[in-house]
Amino acid sequence: MSRSSTADDNGHRGIPEATVNRLPVYLRALYALADRGVATVSSEELAAAAGVNSAKLRKDLSHLGSYGTRGVGYDVEYLVYQVSRELGLTQDWPVIIVGAGNLGHALANYGGFASRGFRVAALFDTDPLVVGTQVGSQVVRHADEIESVIARHRVSIGVIATPAKAAQAVCERLVASGITSILNFAPVVLNVPAGVDVRKVDLSIELQILAFHAQRRAVVRVALDGERGMTGRSLGSAGPGGRALAGRRDRHRAQPGGRGSADAGDMPRDGETGVAAQAVGT
């Protein structure tokens, strides 16, 4: 089964895996600040930019030995260096991409890799109509060359962008050739041995999760709209129904020894609730 190694396995000085997963988010926010010419940033501002609370951010950065300066905050340029160093981005990482379809094309053409310390060393495919074509700065190689390229460029990170049925076999070839880190875009769970890290990116799953939340928001909006409509009708007592109800209540108040402002027919029966309560329970 796929495995994510712990911080201790990776020699991250005991940094929790959850913190490691948030460091790239902090780095992205820091790059944006640096691009705007921001020299220092408070923990509250950086936390807001990264979408976490400030206490969690301060604790995460303390694992790097960075505590900021009281009343000043963090030095953006130095914090970029600290986070980059911890993530191993202060060195060049050659990466290979297996699968030169639409996704492989997009990844090979992505300019953000080079600026973040990653270099696409090769792009592979088995389709004779694709092999030999130019994609960005790469000429697509045949998959038969995977092992030799990995050895020549000392590649330790591989990207799988193949159809699902081919992904496991490709994964096994990469691992056998010394790849220890795999980014998997194929819609399948890869089985890897201990010591190999797999990060899975499944766009369809992410879209399905977004669809779930969009549906929930739509249901809430319908319920709230219905509640507002019911409330508006109940307040509109100027109509015939409203005048009849008001008249019936007035008659009960006027009866000597009456039971109150409404008889049993006007009260909710056992188990019934008002409109607002129904909306909340939906």
Protein backbone atom coordinates (compact mmCIF):
# COMPACT_ATOMS: atom_id res chain seq x y z
CA MET A 1 0.00 0.00 0.00
CA SER A 2 1.09 3.59 -0.46
CA ARG A 3 3.11 5.04 2.36
CA SER A 4 3.98 8.49 3.68
CA SER A 5 7.14 8.44 5.74
CA THR A 6 7.29 10.19 9.09
CA ALA A 7 9.40 13.18 9.85
CA ASP A 8 11.89 11.01 11.71
CA ASP A 9 12.28 8.71 8.68
CA ASN A 10 13.21 11.73 6.59
CA GLY A 11 15.57 13.15 9.18
CA HIS A 12 13.49 16.27 9.74
CA ARG A 13 14.69 16.65 13.33
CA GLY A 14 11.40 15.37 14.68
CA ILE A 15 9.24 17.84 12.74
CA PRO A 16 5.65 16.48 12.72
CA GLU A 17 4.37 15.29 9.35
CA ALA A 18 1.42 17.71 9.59
CA THR A 19 3.89 20.59 9.93
CA VAL A 20 5.89 19.37 6.93
CA ASN A 21 2.68 19.31 4.89
CA ARG A 22 1.99 22.96 5.80
CA LEU A 23 5.49 24.28 5.07
CA PRO A 24 4.92 24.50 1.28
CA VAL A 25 1.75 26.52 1.97
CA TYR A 26 3.74 28.95 4.12
CA LEU A 27 6.42 29.15 1.43
CA ARG A 28 3.84 30.00 -1.23
CA ALA A 29 2.47 32.80 0.95
CA LEU A 30 6.01 34.06 1.63
CA TYR A 31 6.84 34.13 -2.08
CA ALA A 32 3.72 36.22 -2.69
CA LEU A 33 4.78 38.66 0.05
CA ALA A 34 8.31 38.87 -1.34
CA ASP A 35 6.94 39.57 -4.82
CA ARG A 36 5.05 42.55 -3.34
CA GLY A 37 8.21 43.87 -1.70
CA VAL A 38 7.09 43.08 1.87
CA ALA A 39 10.14 42.87 4.14
CA THR A 40 8.57 41.70 7.42
CA VAL A 41 5.32 39.98 8.26
CA SER A 42 3.53 39.29 11.54
CA SER A 43 2.44 35.78 12.46
CA GLU A 44 -1.21 36.90 12.18
CA GLU A 45 -0.72 38.24 8.65
CA LEU A 46 1.22 35.20 7.47
CA ALA A 47 -1.29 32.83 9.09
CA ALA A 48 -4.19 34.59 7.35
CA ALA A 49 -2.39 34.36 4.00
CA ALA A 50 -1.77 30.63 4.55
CA GLY A 51 -5.26 29.88 5.86
CA VAL A 52 -4.24 28.66 9.35
CA ASN A 53 -4.46 30.16 12.82
CA SER A 54 -1.51 32.15 14.10
CA ALA A 55 -0.82 29.86 17.08
CA LYS A 56 -0.42 26.85 14.78
CA LEU A 57 1.85 28.82 12.45
CA ARG A 58 4.10 29.98 15.30
CA LYS A 59 4.37 26.41 16.58
CA ASP A 60 5.17 25.09 13.10
CA LEU A 61 7.89 27.68 12.52
CA SER A 62 9.38 27.05 15.95
CA HIS A 63 10.33 23.57 14.72
CA LEU A 64 12.60 25.35 12.22
CA GLY A 65 14.17 27.43 14.99
CA SER A 66 12.41 30.57 13.75
CA TYR A 67 10.55 32.55 16.41
CA GLY A 68 10.32 35.99 14.82
CA THR A 69 10.90 39.25 16.66
CA ARG A 70 8.34 40.55 19.13
CA GLY A 71 6.68 43.67 17.77
CA VAL A 72 8.31 43.21 14.36
CA GLY A 73 7.39 39.76 13.10
CA TYR A 74 9.31 37.53 10.70
CA ASP A 75 11.89 38.59 8.14
CA VAL A 76 10.29 37.41 4.88
CA GLU A 77 13.51 36.80 2.94
CA TYR A 78 15.15 34.86 5.77
CA LEU A 79 12.01 32.82 6.44
CA VAL A 80 11.86 31.90 2.73
CA TYR A 81 15.41 30.59 3.09
CA GLN A 82 14.62 28.66 6.28
CA VAL A 83 11.52 26.96 4.89
CA SER A 84 13.21 26.27 1.54
CA ARG A 85 16.20 24.73 3.29
CA GLU A 86 13.98 22.51 5.45
CA LEU A 87 12.07 21.33 2.38
CA GLY A 88 15.31 20.61 0.54
CA LEU A 89 14.72 23.28 -2.08
CA THR A 90 18.13 24.90 -1.81
CA GLN A 91 19.45 22.26 -4.21
CA ASP A 92 18.48 21.24 -7.74
CA TRP A 93 16.09 18.27 -8.01
CA PRO A 94 15.94 16.48 -11.38
CA VAL A 95 12.46 15.10 -12.03
CA ILE A 96 11.21 12.69 -14.69
CA ILE A 97 7.64 12.57 -16.00
CA VAL A 98 6.23 9.31 -17.34
CA GLY A 99 3.25 9.87 -19.63
CA ALA A 100 3.24 12.54 -22.34
CA GLY A 101 -0.50 12.93 -22.74
CA ASN A 102 -2.37 16.18 -22.06
CA LEU A 103 -1.41 16.18 -18.37
CA GLY A 104 2.20 15.25 -19.08
CA HIS A 105 2.38 18.10 -21.62
CA ALA A 106 1.02 20.56 -19.07
CA LEU A 107 3.46 19.43 -16.38
CA ALA A 108 6.46 19.55 -18.71
CA ASN A 109 5.52 23.08 -19.78
CA TYR A 110 4.92 24.34 -16.24
CA GLY A 111 7.40 27.12 -15.56
CA GLY A 112 6.94 27.01 -11.79
CA PHE A 113 9.12 23.93 -11.37
CA ALA A 114 12.40 25.65 -12.21
CA SER A 115 11.75 28.60 -9.91
CA ARG A 116 11.08 26.22 -7.01
CA GLY A 117 14.19 24.05 -7.37
CA PHE A 118 12.88 21.32 -9.69
CA ARG A 119 14.20 20.53 -13.17
CA VAL A 120 12.39 18.27 -15.63
CA ALA A 121 15.17 15.94 -16.73
CA ALA A 122 13.11 13.83 -19.13
CA LEU A 123 9.59 13.08 -20.40
CA PHE A 124 8.66 9.52 -21.42
CA ASP A 125 5.93 7.74 -23.35
CA THR A 126 5.41 4.52 -25.33
CA ASP A 127 3.19 5.88 -28.11
CA PRO A 128 5.25 5.91 -31.34
CA LEU A 129 3.26 8.95 -32.51
CA VAL A 130 4.37 10.86 -29.39
CA VAL A 131 7.95 9.66 -28.92
CA GLY A 132 10.36 12.08 -30.56
CA THR A 133 8.03 15.07 -30.45
CA GLN A 134 9.02 18.30 -28.74
CA VAL A 135 7.23 19.31 -25.50
CA GLY A 136 8.57 22.52 -24.05
CA SER A 137 12.32 22.06 -23.70
CA GLN A 138 12.03 18.27 -23.78
CA VAL A 139 12.02 15.74 -26.60
CA VAL A 140 9.75 12.87 -25.56
CA ARG A 141 11.82 9.74 -24.98
CA HIS A 142 10.67 6.15 -25.23
CA ALA A 143 9.92 4.50 -21.89
CA ASP A 144 12.67 1.97 -22.60
CA GLU A 145 15.15 4.68 -21.57
CA ILE A 146 13.68 5.23 -18.08
CA GLU A 147 16.31 3.24 -16.19
CA SER A 148 19.30 4.73 -18.01
CA VAL A 149 18.06 8.31 -17.59
CA ILE A 150 17.44 7.80 -13.86
CA ALA A 151 20.98 6.49 -13.40
CA ARG A 152 22.57 9.20 -15.57
CA HIS A 153 20.81 12.14 -13.92
CA ARG A 154 20.61 10.58 -10.44
CA VAL A 155 16.88 11.17 -10.34
CA SER A 156 15.07 10.52 -7.06
CA ILE A 157 11.65 12.03 -7.89
CA GLY A 158 9.32 10.58 -10.52
CA VAL A 159 5.95 11.82 -11.74
CA ILE A 160 3.42 9.31 -13.06
CA ALA A 161 0.91 10.79 -15.51
CA THR A 162 -0.13 7.59 -17.26
CA PRO A 163 -3.54 5.89 -17.53
CA ALA A 164 -4.50 3.93 -14.41
CA LYS A 165 -3.85 0.49 -15.94
CA ALA A 166 -0.20 1.33 -16.62
CA ALA A 167 0.60 3.18 -13.40
CA GLN A 168 1.55 0.25 -11.13
CA ALA A 169 3.97 -1.25 -13.65
CA VAL A 170 5.58 2.16 -14.19
CA CYS A 171 5.81 2.65 -10.43
CA GLU A 172 7.60 -0.67 -10.00
CA ARG A 173 10.12 0.25 -12.70
CA LEU A 174 10.81 3.59 -11.05
CA VAL A 175 11.29 2.04 -7.62
CA ALA A 176 13.54 -0.69 -9.01
CA SER A 177 15.67 2.03 -10.61
CA GLY A 178 16.18 3.87 -7.33
CA ILE A 179 13.29 6.37 -7.29
CA THR A 180 12.23 7.00 -3.68
CA SER A 181 9.64 9.76 -4.16
CA ILE A 182 6.68 9.53 -6.54
CA LEU A 183 4.01 12.06 -7.45
CA ASN A 184 1.07 10.06 -8.80
CA PHE A 185 -1.58 11.64 -11.03
CA ALA A 186 -3.02 8.31 -12.15
CA PRO A 187 -6.44 7.50 -10.61
CA VAL A 188 -5.21 4.41 -8.78
CA VAL A 189 -3.59 3.57 -5.44
CA LEU A 190 0.00 2.46 -5.91
CA ASN A 191 1.61 -0.33 -3.92
CA VAL A 192 5.16 0.58 -2.92
CA PRO A 193 7.72 -0.87 -0.49
CA ALA A 194 8.75 0.77 2.75
CA GLY A 195 11.04 3.73 2.23
CA VAL A 196 9.21 5.05 -0.83
CA ASP A 197 6.99 8.12 -0.52
CA VAL A 198 3.93 8.53 -2.72
CA ARG A 199 1.89 11.70 -3.02
CA LYS A 200 -1.37 11.21 -4.90
CA VAL A 201 -3.09 13.97 -6.84
CA ASP A 202 -6.58 12.97 -8.01
CA LEU A 203 -8.37 15.89 -9.66
CA SER A 204 -11.67 14.01 -9.98
CA ILE A 205 -11.77 13.35 -6.23
CA GLU A 206 -11.08 16.99 -5.47
CA LEU A 207 -13.89 18.03 -7.84
CA GLN A 208 -16.27 15.54 -6.21
CA ILE A 209 -15.48 16.98 -2.77
CA LEU A 210 -16.15 20.49 -4.10
CA ALA A 211 -19.44 19.25 -5.62
CA PHE A 212 -20.46 17.88 -2.22
CA HIS A 213 -19.91 21.24 -0.53
CA ALA A 214 -21.62 23.11 -3.37
CA GLN A 215 -24.64 20.84 -3.01
CA ARG A 216 -24.78 21.37 0.75
CA ARG A 217 -24.71 25.13 0.29
CA ALA A 218 -27.49 24.90 -2.29
CA VAL A 219 -29.68 22.89 0.13
CA VAL A 220 -29.10 25.44 2.88
CA ARG A 221 -30.01 28.30 0.54
CA VAL A 222 -33.26 26.56 -0.48
CA ALA A 223 -34.13 25.97 3.18
CA LEU A 224 -33.42 29.59 4.10
CA ASP A 225 -35.39 30.88 1.12
CA GLY A 226 -38.32 28.69 2.14
CA GLU A 227 -38.10 29.91 5.72
CA ARG A 228 -38.10 33.55 4.61
CA GLY A 229 -41.08 32.88 2.36
CA MET A 230 -43.06 31.22 5.16
CA THR A 231 -42.19 34.01 7.58
CA GLY A 232 -43.26 36.64 5.07
CA ARG A 233 -46.62 34.93 4.55
CA SER A 234 -47.24 34.59 8.29
CA LEU A 235 -46.52 38.30 8.78
CA GLY A 236 -48.78 39.28 5.90
CA SER A 237 -51.93 39.31 8.08
CA ALA A 238 -53.59 41.95 5.91
CA GLY A 239 -54.91 39.21 3.60
CA PRO A 240 -58.17 37.33 4.16
CA GLY A 241 -56.45 34.46 5.97
CA GLY A 242 -54.62 36.85 8.26
CA ARG A 243 -57.81 38.78 9.12
CA ALA A 244 -59.70 35.54 9.86
CA LEU A 245 -56.95 34.32 12.19
CA ALA A 246 -56.75 37.66 13.97
CA GLY A 247 -60.54 37.75 14.34
CA ARG A 248 -60.66 34.27 15.82
CA ARG A 249 -57.99 35.17 18.38
CA ASP A 250 -59.81 38.40 19.28
CA ARG A 251 -63.02 36.46 19.93
CA HIS A 252 -61.22 34.13 22.34
CA ARG A 253 -59.75 37.06 24.22
CA ALA A 254 -63.20 38.62 24.55
CA GLN A 255 -64.91 35.53 25.99
CA PRO A 256 -65.30 35.72 29.77
CA GLY A 257 -63.40 32.91 31.40
CA GLY A 258 -61.72 32.07 28.06
CA ARG A 259 -58.72 29.80 27.91
CA GLY A 260 -56.34 32.41 26.65
CA SER A 261 -55.36 33.90 23.32
CA ALA A 262 -55.82 30.68 21.30
CA ASP A 263 -57.81 27.49 21.57
CA ALA A 264 -56.46 23.96 21.19
CA GLY A 265 -56.92 24.15 17.40
CA ASP A 266 -54.48 27.06 17.15
CA MET A 267 -51.70 25.36 19.13
CA PRO A 268 -49.14 23.02 17.56
CA ARG A 269 -50.08 19.39 18.08
CA ASP A 270 -47.69 16.94 19.77
CA GLY A 271 -44.53 16.57 17.69
CA GLU A 272 -45.14 19.67 15.60
CA THR A 273 -42.67 22.54 15.52
CA GLY A 274 -42.50 25.98 13.99
CA VAL A 275 -41.04 26.78 10.57
CA ALA A 276 -37.71 27.98 11.98
CA ALA A 277 -37.20 24.75 13.93
CA GLN A 278 -37.96 22.67 10.83
CA ALA A 279 -35.38 24.62 8.85
CA VAL A 280 -32.72 24.07 11.48
CA GLY A 281 -33.43 20.35 11.59
CA THR A 282 -33.18 19.98 7.83
